[in-house]
Amino acid sequence: MSGLSRFLWERRDEILALTGEHLVLVAVSAAIATAIGVPLGVALTRRPGLARPVLGFANTVQAIPSLALFGFLIPVPVLGGIGARTAIVALVVYSLLPILRNTHAGILSVEPAVVEAADGIGMTRGERLRLVELPLAFPIVLAGIRVAVVVGVGLATIAAAIGAGGLGVLIYRGVATADHRLILAGALPAAALALALDFLLGLVARRWGPRR
C-alpha cells in the first residue's frame, strides 16, 4: 500500500463523514434549485418578454465569485449566518442558471407541430405541458440539472470556509498546513462524487427519457 493510500485509509471515517456532509449540501441545494428553476423556466416560455431580463439577471449573479457570494450572504437575516444554511442558499443561486436556462430551451425545442397536435385533440395547457412538452424536454432539462449538480460538488468545497463542513474541510486544512495528502483526501472524493452523481443522472436520462 502506497503512502497516500495508507493515509487515506487511516482517515477513512473522517473522509466518509465529510463526504456525507458534502452530498447533503449538494443534494438539498440541487433539489431546491430544481423546484424553483423548472417552474420558472416553464413560466418564461409563456412570458417571452420576461425571458431575456430574467436569464440576464441569472447570468449576472452567476458571474459573482463564489467566495464573495458566501461572504455577502453571511450578514443577511434568515438566509445568512455561519454554517450549512448559507452554503445551501449560495449553491441554489449558482445551480439556478443551468436548470432555468435548459428548462426554457427544452420547452421551446418541442416541435410546434406536436404542440398543435396536442391542442387539436383537446388537451388543456396543463395537460399539454405535463403529457407532451415536459416529457419531450426532459433530456435537456436533466442536462441542466446534471451541470448544476457537478458544479455544485465543486463549489461546495468552498463552503468549508464558512463552517458548512464537507470535503472542503480537508482541502482547507491541507492548504493551511501545506500537506498535499490532506488536499488530495478532500479533492479525490469530491471528484469521485461528481463523477458518480453525473453517471447516476445519466442512467436516469437513459431510463426515463423519451424513446426515439
N, C-alpha and C. Protein backbone atom coordinates (compact mmCIF):
# COMPACT_ATOMS: atom_id res chain seq x y z
N MET A 1 0.85 -1.20 0.00
CA MET A 1 0.00 0.00 0.00
C MET A 1 0.88 1.25 0.00
N SER A 2 0.63 2.17 -0.93
CA SER A 2 1.44 3.38 -1.02
C SER A 2 1.17 4.29 0.17
N GLY A 3 2.05 5.31 0.31
CA GLY A 3 1.89 6.23 1.42
C GLY A 3 0.57 6.97 1.38
N LEU A 4 0.14 7.42 0.19
CA LEU A 4 -1.13 8.14 0.07
C LEU A 4 -2.31 7.23 0.37
N SER A 5 -2.26 6.01 -0.15
CA SER A 5 -3.36 5.07 0.09
C SER A 5 -3.49 4.77 1.58
N ARG A 6 -2.35 4.60 2.26
CA ARG A 6 -2.37 4.33 3.70
C ARG A 6 -2.93 5.54 4.45
N PHE A 7 -2.53 6.72 4.02
CA PHE A 7 -3.01 7.95 4.65
C PHE A 7 -4.53 8.06 4.52
N LEU A 8 -5.03 7.79 3.32
CA LEU A 8 -6.48 7.87 3.09
C LEU A 8 -7.23 6.80 3.88
N TRP A 9 -6.65 5.61 3.95
CA TRP A 9 -7.30 4.52 4.68
C TRP A 9 -7.40 4.82 6.17
N GLU A 10 -6.33 5.40 6.71
CA GLU A 10 -6.32 5.72 8.13
C GLU A 10 -7.35 6.79 8.48
N ARG A 11 -7.70 7.61 7.52
CA ARG A 11 -8.66 8.69 7.75
C ARG A 11 -10.00 8.43 7.07
N ARG A 12 -10.28 7.17 6.81
CA ARG A 12 -11.48 6.82 6.05
C ARG A 12 -12.76 7.25 6.75
N ASP A 13 -12.80 7.14 8.07
CA ASP A 13 -14.03 7.50 8.78
C ASP A 13 -14.32 9.00 8.64
N GLU A 14 -13.29 9.82 8.79
CA GLU A 14 -13.49 11.26 8.63
C GLU A 14 -13.85 11.61 7.20
N ILE A 15 -13.19 10.96 6.23
CA ILE A 15 -13.47 11.23 4.83
C ILE A 15 -14.91 10.85 4.48
N LEU A 16 -15.36 9.71 4.98
CA LEU A 16 -16.74 9.28 4.71
C LEU A 16 -17.75 10.23 5.34
N ALA A 17 -17.47 10.66 6.56
CA ALA A 17 -18.39 11.58 7.23
C ALA A 17 -18.47 12.91 6.47
N LEU A 18 -17.33 13.44 6.06
CA LEU A 18 -17.32 14.70 5.32
C LEU A 18 -17.94 14.54 3.93
N THR A 19 -17.76 13.37 3.33
CA THR A 19 -18.40 13.11 2.04
C THR A 19 -19.92 13.12 2.19
N GLY A 20 -20.41 12.55 3.30
CA GLY A 20 -21.84 12.58 3.57
C GLY A 20 -22.35 14.01 3.71
N GLU A 21 -21.60 14.85 4.44
CA GLU A 21 -21.99 16.25 4.59
C GLU A 21 -22.00 16.95 3.23
N HIS A 22 -21.00 16.65 2.43
CA HIS A 22 -20.88 17.25 1.10
C HIS A 22 -22.07 16.86 0.24
N LEU A 23 -22.42 15.59 0.29
CA LEU A 23 -23.54 15.08 -0.52
C LEU A 23 -24.85 15.75 -0.10
N VAL A 24 -25.04 15.94 1.20
CA VAL A 24 -26.26 16.59 1.68
C VAL A 24 -26.34 18.04 1.15
N LEU A 25 -25.24 18.76 1.22
CA LEU A 25 -25.23 20.14 0.71
C LEU A 25 -25.63 20.19 -0.75
N VAL A 26 -25.04 19.29 -1.54
CA VAL A 26 -25.31 19.30 -2.98
C VAL A 26 -26.73 18.84 -3.28
N ALA A 27 -27.17 17.77 -2.62
CA ALA A 27 -28.50 17.22 -2.89
C ALA A 27 -29.60 18.21 -2.52
N VAL A 28 -29.48 18.82 -1.34
CA VAL A 28 -30.52 19.76 -0.89
C VAL A 28 -30.56 20.99 -1.80
N SER A 29 -29.40 21.53 -2.12
CA SER A 29 -29.37 22.73 -2.97
C SER A 29 -29.87 22.43 -4.38
N ALA A 30 -29.51 21.26 -4.92
CA ALA A 30 -29.97 20.90 -6.27
C ALA A 30 -31.48 20.68 -6.29
N ALA A 31 -32.01 20.07 -5.23
CA ALA A 31 -33.45 19.85 -5.17
C ALA A 31 -34.21 21.17 -5.11
N ILE A 32 -33.72 22.11 -4.29
CA ILE A 32 -34.38 23.41 -4.18
C ILE A 32 -34.27 24.18 -5.50
N ALA A 33 -33.08 24.15 -6.11
CA ALA A 33 -32.88 24.85 -7.38
C ALA A 33 -33.77 24.27 -8.47
N THR A 34 -33.96 22.95 -8.47
CA THR A 34 -34.83 22.31 -9.46
C THR A 34 -36.29 22.71 -9.23
N ALA A 35 -36.69 22.74 -7.95
CA ALA A 35 -38.07 23.11 -7.62
C ALA A 35 -38.38 24.55 -8.01
N ILE A 36 -37.35 25.41 -8.01
CA ILE A 36 -37.55 26.80 -8.41
C ILE A 36 -37.33 26.97 -9.92
N GLY A 37 -36.24 26.39 -10.43
CA GLY A 37 -35.82 26.63 -11.80
C GLY A 37 -36.73 26.05 -12.87
N VAL A 38 -37.27 24.84 -12.64
CA VAL A 38 -38.12 24.22 -13.67
C VAL A 38 -39.43 24.98 -13.84
N PRO A 39 -40.18 25.25 -12.77
CA PRO A 39 -41.41 26.03 -12.96
C PRO A 39 -41.15 27.43 -13.53
N LEU A 40 -40.06 28.06 -13.08
CA LEU A 40 -39.75 29.39 -13.58
C LEU A 40 -39.37 29.34 -15.06
N GLY A 41 -38.61 28.32 -15.45
CA GLY A 41 -38.26 28.17 -16.86
C GLY A 41 -39.48 27.96 -17.73
N VAL A 42 -40.42 27.16 -17.24
CA VAL A 42 -41.67 26.96 -17.97
C VAL A 42 -42.44 28.28 -18.07
N ALA A 43 -42.50 29.02 -16.96
CA ALA A 43 -43.23 30.29 -16.95
C ALA A 43 -42.64 31.28 -17.96
N LEU A 44 -41.32 31.26 -18.11
CA LEU A 44 -40.69 32.19 -19.06
C LEU A 44 -41.05 31.87 -20.50
N THR A 45 -41.35 30.60 -20.79
CA THR A 45 -41.78 30.27 -22.16
C THR A 45 -43.17 30.82 -22.43
N ARG A 46 -43.95 31.05 -21.38
CA ARG A 46 -45.30 31.62 -21.53
C ARG A 46 -45.26 33.14 -21.49
N ARG A 47 -44.16 33.71 -21.02
CA ARG A 47 -44.00 35.16 -20.96
C ARG A 47 -42.67 35.53 -21.63
N PRO A 48 -42.62 35.47 -22.96
CA PRO A 48 -41.35 35.69 -23.68
C PRO A 48 -40.67 37.03 -23.34
N GLY A 49 -41.47 38.03 -23.04
CA GLY A 49 -40.88 39.33 -22.74
C GLY A 49 -40.05 39.34 -21.47
N LEU A 50 -40.32 38.41 -20.57
CA LEU A 50 -39.57 38.35 -19.32
C LEU A 50 -38.32 37.49 -19.42
N ALA A 51 -38.23 36.66 -20.46
CA ALA A 51 -37.16 35.68 -20.55
C ALA A 51 -35.78 36.34 -20.58
N ARG A 52 -35.62 37.35 -21.42
CA ARG A 52 -34.30 37.97 -21.54
C ARG A 52 -33.84 38.63 -20.25
N PRO A 53 -34.64 39.49 -19.60
CA PRO A 53 -34.16 40.10 -18.35
C PRO A 53 -33.93 39.09 -17.23
N VAL A 54 -34.79 38.09 -17.11
CA VAL A 54 -34.62 37.11 -16.04
C VAL A 54 -33.37 36.28 -16.26
N LEU A 55 -33.18 35.78 -17.49
CA LEU A 55 -31.98 34.99 -17.78
C LEU A 55 -30.73 35.85 -17.70
N GLY A 56 -30.85 37.11 -18.10
CA GLY A 56 -29.71 38.03 -17.98
C GLY A 56 -29.32 38.26 -16.53
N PHE A 57 -30.32 38.41 -15.66
CA PHE A 57 -30.05 38.58 -14.23
C PHE A 57 -29.39 37.33 -13.66
N ALA A 58 -29.89 36.16 -14.06
CA ALA A 58 -29.30 34.89 -13.58
C ALA A 58 -27.85 34.77 -14.04
N ASN A 59 -27.56 35.21 -15.26
CA ASN A 59 -26.18 35.19 -15.75
C ASN A 59 -25.30 36.12 -14.94
N THR A 60 -25.83 37.28 -14.60
CA THR A 60 -25.06 38.26 -13.82
C THR A 60 -24.72 37.70 -12.44
N VAL A 61 -25.71 37.10 -11.78
CA VAL A 61 -25.47 36.51 -10.46
C VAL A 61 -24.43 35.41 -10.55
N GLN A 62 -24.49 34.62 -11.63
CA GLN A 62 -23.55 33.52 -11.82
C GLN A 62 -22.12 34.03 -11.92
N ALA A 63 -21.95 35.27 -12.37
CA ALA A 63 -20.61 35.83 -12.55
C ALA A 63 -19.98 36.29 -11.24
N ILE A 64 -20.76 36.37 -10.16
CA ILE A 64 -20.20 36.78 -8.86
C ILE A 64 -19.27 35.68 -8.35
N PRO A 65 -18.05 36.01 -7.98
CA PRO A 65 -17.15 34.99 -7.43
C PRO A 65 -17.80 34.25 -6.26
N SER A 66 -17.64 32.95 -6.22
CA SER A 66 -18.35 32.14 -5.23
C SER A 66 -18.00 32.52 -3.79
N LEU A 67 -16.72 32.74 -3.51
CA LEU A 67 -16.33 33.09 -2.15
C LEU A 67 -16.92 34.44 -1.75
N ALA A 68 -17.00 35.36 -2.72
CA ALA A 68 -17.59 36.67 -2.43
C ALA A 68 -19.08 36.52 -2.11
N LEU A 69 -19.77 35.65 -2.85
CA LEU A 69 -21.20 35.44 -2.59
C LEU A 69 -21.42 34.86 -1.21
N PHE A 70 -20.59 33.89 -0.82
CA PHE A 70 -20.68 33.35 0.54
C PHE A 70 -20.52 34.47 1.56
N GLY A 71 -19.55 35.36 1.32
CA GLY A 71 -19.31 36.46 2.24
C GLY A 71 -20.48 37.44 2.29
N PHE A 72 -21.06 37.74 1.12
CA PHE A 72 -22.20 38.67 1.08
C PHE A 72 -23.39 38.12 1.84
N LEU A 73 -23.57 36.79 1.82
CA LEU A 73 -24.75 36.19 2.43
C LEU A 73 -24.66 36.09 3.95
N ILE A 74 -23.46 36.08 4.49
CA ILE A 74 -23.31 35.86 5.94
C ILE A 74 -24.12 36.85 6.78
N PRO A 75 -24.10 38.17 6.47
CA PRO A 75 -24.86 39.10 7.33
C PRO A 75 -26.36 39.19 7.00
N VAL A 76 -26.82 38.48 5.96
CA VAL A 76 -28.22 38.58 5.55
C VAL A 76 -29.11 37.88 6.58
N PRO A 77 -30.14 38.55 7.11
CA PRO A 77 -31.03 37.90 8.08
C PRO A 77 -31.73 36.69 7.47
N VAL A 78 -31.99 35.70 8.30
CA VAL A 78 -32.71 34.47 7.94
C VAL A 78 -31.90 33.58 7.00
N LEU A 79 -31.47 34.12 5.86
CA LEU A 79 -30.76 33.30 4.87
C LEU A 79 -29.29 33.13 5.20
N GLY A 80 -28.70 34.10 5.90
CA GLY A 80 -27.27 34.09 6.11
C GLY A 80 -26.83 33.44 7.41
N GLY A 81 -25.62 33.82 7.82
CA GLY A 81 -25.04 33.25 9.02
C GLY A 81 -23.89 32.32 8.68
N ILE A 82 -23.34 31.70 9.69
CA ILE A 82 -22.25 30.74 9.52
C ILE A 82 -22.84 29.34 9.55
N GLY A 83 -22.48 28.54 8.56
CA GLY A 83 -22.94 27.16 8.56
C GLY A 83 -23.58 26.73 7.25
N ALA A 84 -24.25 25.59 7.30
CA ALA A 84 -24.76 24.94 6.09
C ALA A 84 -25.86 25.75 5.40
N ARG A 85 -26.68 26.47 6.17
CA ARG A 85 -27.80 27.21 5.57
C ARG A 85 -27.30 28.20 4.53
N THR A 86 -26.30 28.98 4.88
CA THR A 86 -25.75 29.96 3.94
C THR A 86 -25.16 29.27 2.73
N ALA A 87 -24.47 28.17 2.95
CA ALA A 87 -23.87 27.42 1.84
C ALA A 87 -24.94 26.92 0.88
N ILE A 88 -26.04 26.42 1.42
CA ILE A 88 -27.12 25.90 0.57
C ILE A 88 -27.74 27.02 -0.25
N VAL A 89 -27.95 28.18 0.38
CA VAL A 89 -28.51 29.32 -0.36
C VAL A 89 -27.59 29.70 -1.52
N ALA A 90 -26.29 29.78 -1.26
CA ALA A 90 -25.34 30.14 -2.31
C ALA A 90 -25.32 29.09 -3.42
N LEU A 91 -25.36 27.82 -3.05
CA LEU A 91 -25.35 26.75 -4.06
C LEU A 91 -26.63 26.77 -4.88
N VAL A 92 -27.76 27.10 -4.26
CA VAL A 92 -29.01 27.23 -5.01
C VAL A 92 -28.88 28.33 -6.05
N VAL A 93 -28.31 29.46 -5.66
CA VAL A 93 -28.14 30.58 -6.57
C VAL A 93 -27.31 30.16 -7.79
N TYR A 94 -26.22 29.45 -7.54
CA TYR A 94 -25.36 29.03 -8.65
C TYR A 94 -25.98 27.90 -9.48
N SER A 95 -26.85 27.09 -8.87
CA SER A 95 -27.46 25.98 -9.59
C SER A 95 -28.64 26.42 -10.45
N LEU A 96 -29.21 27.58 -10.15
CA LEU A 96 -30.42 28.00 -10.84
C LEU A 96 -30.22 28.23 -12.33
N LEU A 97 -29.11 28.87 -12.71
CA LEU A 97 -28.94 29.26 -14.11
C LEU A 97 -29.01 28.08 -15.07
N PRO A 98 -28.20 27.03 -14.92
CA PRO A 98 -28.28 25.94 -15.90
C PRO A 98 -29.64 25.26 -15.93
N ILE A 99 -30.28 25.13 -14.76
CA ILE A 99 -31.60 24.48 -14.72
C ILE A 99 -32.64 25.38 -15.39
N LEU A 100 -32.62 26.66 -15.07
CA LEU A 100 -33.56 27.61 -15.64
C LEU A 100 -33.37 27.72 -17.15
N ARG A 101 -32.15 27.87 -17.57
CA ARG A 101 -31.86 28.04 -19.00
C ARG A 101 -32.23 26.79 -19.80
N ASN A 102 -31.89 25.62 -19.27
CA ASN A 102 -32.18 24.39 -20.01
C ASN A 102 -33.67 24.08 -20.04
N THR A 103 -34.38 24.40 -18.95
CA THR A 103 -35.83 24.19 -18.96
C THR A 103 -36.48 25.08 -20.00
N HIS A 104 -36.08 26.34 -20.02
CA HIS A 104 -36.61 27.29 -21.00
C HIS A 104 -36.31 26.80 -22.43
N ALA A 105 -35.06 26.42 -22.68
CA ALA A 105 -34.67 25.95 -24.02
C ALA A 105 -35.37 24.64 -24.36
N GLY A 106 -35.51 23.75 -23.38
CA GLY A 106 -36.13 22.45 -23.65
C GLY A 106 -37.59 22.57 -24.05
N ILE A 107 -38.34 23.40 -23.35
CA ILE A 107 -39.75 23.59 -23.69
C ILE A 107 -39.89 24.22 -25.07
N LEU A 108 -39.04 25.20 -25.36
CA LEU A 108 -39.10 25.87 -26.66
C LEU A 108 -38.66 24.96 -27.81
N SER A 109 -37.90 23.89 -27.48
CA SER A 109 -37.41 22.99 -28.53
C SER A 109 -38.46 22.01 -29.01
N VAL A 110 -39.58 21.90 -28.31
CA VAL A 110 -40.64 20.98 -28.73
C VAL A 110 -41.21 21.47 -30.06
N GLU A 111 -41.33 20.55 -31.00
CA GLU A 111 -41.81 20.90 -32.34
C GLU A 111 -43.20 21.55 -32.27
N PRO A 112 -43.37 22.68 -32.97
CA PRO A 112 -44.69 23.33 -32.99
C PRO A 112 -45.80 22.40 -33.48
N ALA A 113 -45.46 21.50 -34.40
CA ALA A 113 -46.48 20.58 -34.91
C ALA A 113 -46.99 19.66 -33.81
N VAL A 114 -46.10 19.27 -32.89
CA VAL A 114 -46.51 18.42 -31.77
C VAL A 114 -47.44 19.18 -30.84
N VAL A 115 -47.09 20.46 -30.59
CA VAL A 115 -47.92 21.30 -29.73
C VAL A 115 -49.30 21.49 -30.36
N GLU A 116 -49.31 21.73 -31.66
CA GLU A 116 -50.58 21.91 -32.36
C GLU A 116 -51.42 20.65 -32.32
N ALA A 117 -50.76 19.50 -32.44
CA ALA A 117 -51.49 18.24 -32.39
C ALA A 117 -52.11 18.04 -31.01
N ALA A 118 -51.37 18.39 -29.96
CA ALA A 118 -51.91 18.26 -28.61
C ALA A 118 -53.11 19.18 -28.42
N ASP A 119 -53.02 20.40 -28.96
CA ASP A 119 -54.16 21.32 -28.89
C ASP A 119 -55.34 20.79 -29.69
N GLY A 120 -55.01 20.16 -30.82
CA GLY A 120 -56.05 19.67 -31.70
C GLY A 120 -56.88 18.55 -31.11
N ILE A 121 -56.31 17.77 -30.21
CA ILE A 121 -57.08 16.67 -29.60
C ILE A 121 -57.74 17.11 -28.29
N GLY A 122 -57.66 18.41 -28.02
CA GLY A 122 -58.41 18.95 -26.89
C GLY A 122 -57.68 19.00 -25.57
N MET A 123 -56.37 18.88 -25.57
CA MET A 123 -55.63 18.98 -24.31
C MET A 123 -55.67 20.40 -23.77
N THR A 124 -55.78 20.53 -22.48
CA THR A 124 -55.63 21.83 -21.85
C THR A 124 -54.15 22.19 -21.83
N ARG A 125 -53.84 23.43 -21.49
CA ARG A 125 -52.42 23.84 -21.44
C ARG A 125 -51.66 23.05 -20.39
N GLY A 126 -52.33 22.77 -19.27
CA GLY A 126 -51.68 21.97 -18.22
C GLY A 126 -51.42 20.56 -18.67
N GLU A 127 -52.38 19.95 -19.34
CA GLU A 127 -52.20 18.59 -19.84
C GLU A 127 -51.13 18.54 -20.90
N ARG A 128 -51.12 19.54 -21.77
CA ARG A 128 -50.10 19.59 -22.82
C ARG A 128 -48.70 19.68 -22.22
N LEU A 129 -48.57 20.52 -21.18
CA LEU A 129 -47.28 20.67 -20.52
C LEU A 129 -46.86 19.36 -19.86
N ARG A 130 -47.78 18.76 -19.12
CA ARG A 130 -47.46 17.57 -18.33
C ARG A 130 -47.24 16.33 -19.19
N LEU A 131 -48.04 16.19 -20.24
CA LEU A 131 -48.02 14.94 -21.02
C LEU A 131 -47.21 15.02 -22.30
N VAL A 132 -46.93 16.22 -22.77
CA VAL A 132 -46.23 16.36 -24.05
C VAL A 132 -44.93 17.14 -23.91
N GLU A 133 -45.02 18.39 -23.47
CA GLU A 133 -43.85 19.27 -23.51
C GLU A 133 -42.76 18.84 -22.53
N LEU A 134 -43.12 18.63 -21.25
CA LEU A 134 -42.09 18.24 -20.27
C LEU A 134 -41.45 16.90 -20.59
N PRO A 135 -42.22 15.86 -20.97
CA PRO A 135 -41.55 14.60 -21.34
C PRO A 135 -40.57 14.75 -22.50
N LEU A 136 -40.95 15.54 -23.52
CA LEU A 136 -40.05 15.73 -24.66
C LEU A 136 -38.84 16.60 -24.30
N ALA A 137 -39.05 17.53 -23.39
CA ALA A 137 -37.94 18.41 -22.97
C ALA A 137 -37.08 17.79 -21.88
N PHE A 138 -37.50 16.64 -21.35
CA PHE A 138 -36.84 16.03 -20.20
C PHE A 138 -35.32 15.87 -20.36
N PRO A 139 -34.81 15.36 -21.51
CA PRO A 139 -33.35 15.22 -21.61
C PRO A 139 -32.60 16.54 -21.48
N ILE A 140 -33.16 17.61 -22.03
CA ILE A 140 -32.50 18.91 -21.95
C ILE A 140 -32.57 19.46 -20.53
N VAL A 141 -33.73 19.31 -19.90
CA VAL A 141 -33.88 19.76 -18.51
C VAL A 141 -32.92 19.00 -17.61
N LEU A 142 -32.85 17.69 -17.79
CA LEU A 142 -31.97 16.88 -16.94
C LEU A 142 -30.51 17.22 -17.18
N ALA A 143 -30.17 17.59 -18.42
CA ALA A 143 -28.79 18.01 -18.70
C ALA A 143 -28.43 19.24 -17.87
N GLY A 144 -29.38 20.16 -17.72
CA GLY A 144 -29.14 21.33 -16.88
C GLY A 144 -28.96 20.95 -15.43
N ILE A 145 -29.75 19.99 -14.96
CA ILE A 145 -29.63 19.54 -13.57
C ILE A 145 -28.28 18.85 -13.37
N ARG A 146 -27.84 18.07 -14.36
CA ARG A 146 -26.53 17.41 -14.25
C ARG A 146 -25.41 18.43 -14.13
N VAL A 147 -25.48 19.48 -14.94
CA VAL A 147 -24.46 20.54 -14.86
C VAL A 147 -24.49 21.19 -13.48
N ALA A 148 -25.70 21.48 -12.99
CA ALA A 148 -25.83 22.13 -11.69
C ALA A 148 -25.26 21.26 -10.58
N VAL A 149 -25.50 19.96 -10.64
CA VAL A 149 -25.01 19.04 -9.60
C VAL A 149 -23.49 18.95 -9.62
N VAL A 150 -22.93 18.78 -10.81
CA VAL A 150 -21.47 18.65 -10.91
C VAL A 150 -20.79 19.94 -10.47
N VAL A 151 -21.31 21.08 -10.91
CA VAL A 151 -20.74 22.36 -10.48
C VAL A 151 -20.91 22.53 -8.98
N GLY A 152 -22.07 22.10 -8.47
CA GLY A 152 -22.33 22.21 -7.04
C GLY A 152 -21.35 21.43 -6.19
N VAL A 153 -20.93 20.26 -6.67
CA VAL A 153 -19.95 19.47 -5.92
C VAL A 153 -18.65 20.24 -5.76
N GLY A 154 -18.24 20.90 -6.84
CA GLY A 154 -17.01 21.69 -6.75
C GLY A 154 -17.15 22.91 -5.87
N LEU A 155 -18.27 23.62 -6.03
CA LEU A 155 -18.47 24.84 -5.24
C LEU A 155 -18.67 24.54 -3.76
N ALA A 156 -19.23 23.38 -3.47
CA ALA A 156 -19.48 23.03 -2.06
C ALA A 156 -18.19 22.91 -1.26
N THR A 157 -17.07 22.68 -1.93
CA THR A 157 -15.80 22.62 -1.20
C THR A 157 -15.46 23.97 -0.56
N ILE A 158 -15.93 25.05 -1.21
CA ILE A 158 -15.65 26.38 -0.68
C ILE A 158 -16.48 26.65 0.57
N ALA A 159 -17.58 25.90 0.71
CA ALA A 159 -18.48 26.12 1.86
C ALA A 159 -17.79 25.87 3.19
N ALA A 160 -16.69 25.12 3.17
CA ALA A 160 -15.96 24.88 4.42
C ALA A 160 -15.43 26.19 5.01
N ALA A 161 -15.26 27.19 4.16
CA ALA A 161 -14.73 28.48 4.64
C ALA A 161 -15.70 29.19 5.56
N ILE A 162 -17.00 28.83 5.50
CA ILE A 162 -17.99 29.46 6.38
C ILE A 162 -18.57 28.44 7.37
N GLY A 163 -17.83 27.38 7.61
CA GLY A 163 -18.22 26.41 8.63
C GLY A 163 -19.34 25.48 8.23
N ALA A 164 -19.51 25.23 6.91
CA ALA A 164 -20.60 24.37 6.45
C ALA A 164 -20.19 22.91 6.34
N GLY A 165 -18.94 22.60 6.60
CA GLY A 165 -18.49 21.21 6.54
C GLY A 165 -18.22 20.77 5.12
N GLY A 166 -18.24 19.46 4.90
CA GLY A 166 -17.96 18.92 3.58
C GLY A 166 -16.48 18.66 3.36
N LEU A 167 -16.17 18.18 2.18
CA LEU A 167 -14.80 17.78 1.87
C LEU A 167 -13.84 18.97 1.78
N GLY A 168 -14.38 20.16 1.65
CA GLY A 168 -13.52 21.34 1.65
C GLY A 168 -12.76 21.51 2.96
N VAL A 169 -13.27 20.92 4.04
CA VAL A 169 -12.56 20.98 5.34
C VAL A 169 -11.16 20.42 5.20
N LEU A 170 -11.06 19.27 4.53
CA LEU A 170 -9.75 18.64 4.35
C LEU A 170 -8.87 19.48 3.43
N ILE A 171 -9.48 20.04 2.39
CA ILE A 171 -8.71 20.83 1.43
C ILE A 171 -8.15 22.08 2.10
N TYR A 172 -8.98 22.79 2.85
CA TYR A 172 -8.52 23.99 3.53
C TYR A 172 -7.45 23.66 4.58
N ARG A 173 -7.67 22.54 5.28
CA ARG A 173 -6.68 22.13 6.27
C ARG A 173 -5.35 21.79 5.60
N GLY A 174 -5.43 21.15 4.43
CA GLY A 174 -4.22 20.81 3.71
C GLY A 174 -3.49 22.03 3.19
N VAL A 175 -4.25 23.03 2.71
CA VAL A 175 -3.62 24.26 2.24
C VAL A 175 -2.96 25.00 3.40
N ALA A 176 -3.63 25.03 4.55
CA ALA A 176 -3.09 25.75 5.71
C ALA A 176 -1.81 25.12 6.23
N THR A 177 -1.70 23.79 6.09
CA THR A 177 -0.53 23.09 6.62
C THR A 177 0.45 22.66 5.52
N ALA A 178 0.14 23.07 4.28
CA ALA A 178 0.97 22.68 3.12
C ALA A 178 1.12 21.16 3.03
N ASP A 179 0.04 20.44 3.32
CA ASP A 179 0.04 18.98 3.29
C ASP A 179 -0.77 18.52 2.07
N HIS A 180 -0.06 18.09 1.02
CA HIS A 180 -0.76 17.72 -0.21
C HIS A 180 -1.63 16.48 -0.02
N ARG A 181 -1.29 15.66 0.99
CA ARG A 181 -2.11 14.46 1.22
C ARG A 181 -3.50 14.84 1.72
N LEU A 182 -3.59 15.84 2.57
CA LEU A 182 -4.89 16.31 3.03
C LEU A 182 -5.68 16.95 1.89
N ILE A 183 -4.99 17.70 1.04
CA ILE A 183 -5.66 18.30 -0.11
C ILE A 183 -6.27 17.21 -1.00
N LEU A 184 -5.47 16.17 -1.27
CA LEU A 184 -5.96 15.06 -2.09
C LEU A 184 -7.07 14.29 -1.38
N ALA A 185 -6.99 14.21 -0.05
CA ALA A 185 -8.03 13.50 0.72
C ALA A 185 -9.38 14.17 0.56
N GLY A 186 -9.38 15.48 0.29
CA GLY A 186 -10.63 16.17 0.04
C GLY A 186 -10.97 16.23 -1.44
N ALA A 187 -9.94 16.45 -2.27
CA ALA A 187 -10.18 16.64 -3.70
C ALA A 187 -10.58 15.36 -4.43
N LEU A 188 -9.92 14.24 -4.09
CA LEU A 188 -10.21 12.99 -4.79
C LEU A 188 -11.64 12.50 -4.53
N PRO A 189 -12.11 12.46 -3.28
CA PRO A 189 -13.51 12.06 -3.06
C PRO A 189 -14.51 13.03 -3.71
N ALA A 190 -14.18 14.33 -3.72
CA ALA A 190 -15.08 15.29 -4.36
C ALA A 190 -15.18 15.02 -5.86
N ALA A 191 -14.06 14.74 -6.49
CA ALA A 191 -14.08 14.41 -7.92
C ALA A 191 -14.85 13.11 -8.17
N ALA A 192 -14.61 12.12 -7.31
CA ALA A 192 -15.32 10.85 -7.46
C ALA A 192 -16.81 11.03 -7.26
N LEU A 193 -17.20 11.89 -6.31
CA LEU A 193 -18.61 12.15 -6.06
C LEU A 193 -19.26 12.83 -7.26
N ALA A 194 -18.56 13.79 -7.85
CA ALA A 194 -19.10 14.47 -9.03
C ALA A 194 -19.31 13.49 -10.18
N LEU A 195 -18.33 12.63 -10.41
CA LEU A 195 -18.44 11.65 -11.48
C LEU A 195 -19.57 10.65 -11.22
N ALA A 196 -19.69 10.23 -9.96
CA ALA A 196 -20.73 9.25 -9.61
C ALA A 196 -22.12 9.85 -9.79
N LEU A 197 -22.31 11.08 -9.35
CA LEU A 197 -23.63 11.71 -9.48
C LEU A 197 -23.97 11.96 -10.94
N ASP A 198 -22.98 12.37 -11.72
CA ASP A 198 -23.21 12.58 -13.15
C ASP A 198 -23.58 11.27 -13.83
N PHE A 199 -22.91 10.19 -13.44
CA PHE A 199 -23.21 8.87 -14.01
C PHE A 199 -24.63 8.43 -13.66
N LEU A 200 -25.01 8.62 -12.40
CA LEU A 200 -26.35 8.22 -11.97
C LEU A 200 -27.43 9.02 -12.69
N LEU A 201 -27.20 10.30 -12.85
CA LEU A 201 -28.18 11.12 -13.58
C LEU A 201 -28.21 10.75 -15.06
N GLY A 202 -27.09 10.31 -15.59
CA GLY A 202 -27.07 9.81 -16.96
C GLY A 202 -27.92 8.56 -17.11
N LEU A 203 -27.86 7.68 -16.10
CA LEU A 203 -28.71 6.50 -16.11
C LEU A 203 -30.19 6.88 -16.08
N VAL A 204 -30.51 7.90 -15.28
CA VAL A 204 -31.89 8.38 -15.21
C VAL A 204 -32.34 8.89 -16.58
N ALA A 205 -31.46 9.62 -17.26
CA ALA A 205 -31.80 10.16 -18.58
C ALA A 205 -32.08 9.04 -19.57
N ARG A 206 -31.26 7.99 -19.53
CA ARG A 206 -31.47 6.87 -20.46
C ARG A 206 -32.68 6.04 -20.08
N ARG A 207 -32.96 5.94 -18.78
CA ARG A 207 -34.07 5.08 -18.34
C ARG A 207 -35.42 5.74 -18.54
N TRP A 208 -35.51 7.02 -18.22
CA TRP A 208 -36.82 7.69 -18.24
C TRP A 208 -36.96 8.75 -19.33
N GLY A 209 -35.92 8.90 -20.15
CA GLY A 209 -36.04 9.85 -21.26
C GLY A 209 -36.97 9.32 -22.33
N PRO A 210 -37.43 10.19 -23.23
CA PRO A 210 -38.33 9.73 -24.29
C PRO A 210 -37.64 8.76 -25.22
N ARG A 211 -38.37 7.76 -25.66
CA ARG A 211 -37.84 6.76 -26.59
C ARG A 211 -37.79 7.34 -28.00
N ARG A 212 -36.69 7.05 -28.66
CA ARG A 212 -36.54 7.54 -30.04
C ARG A 212 -37.04 6.49 -31.03
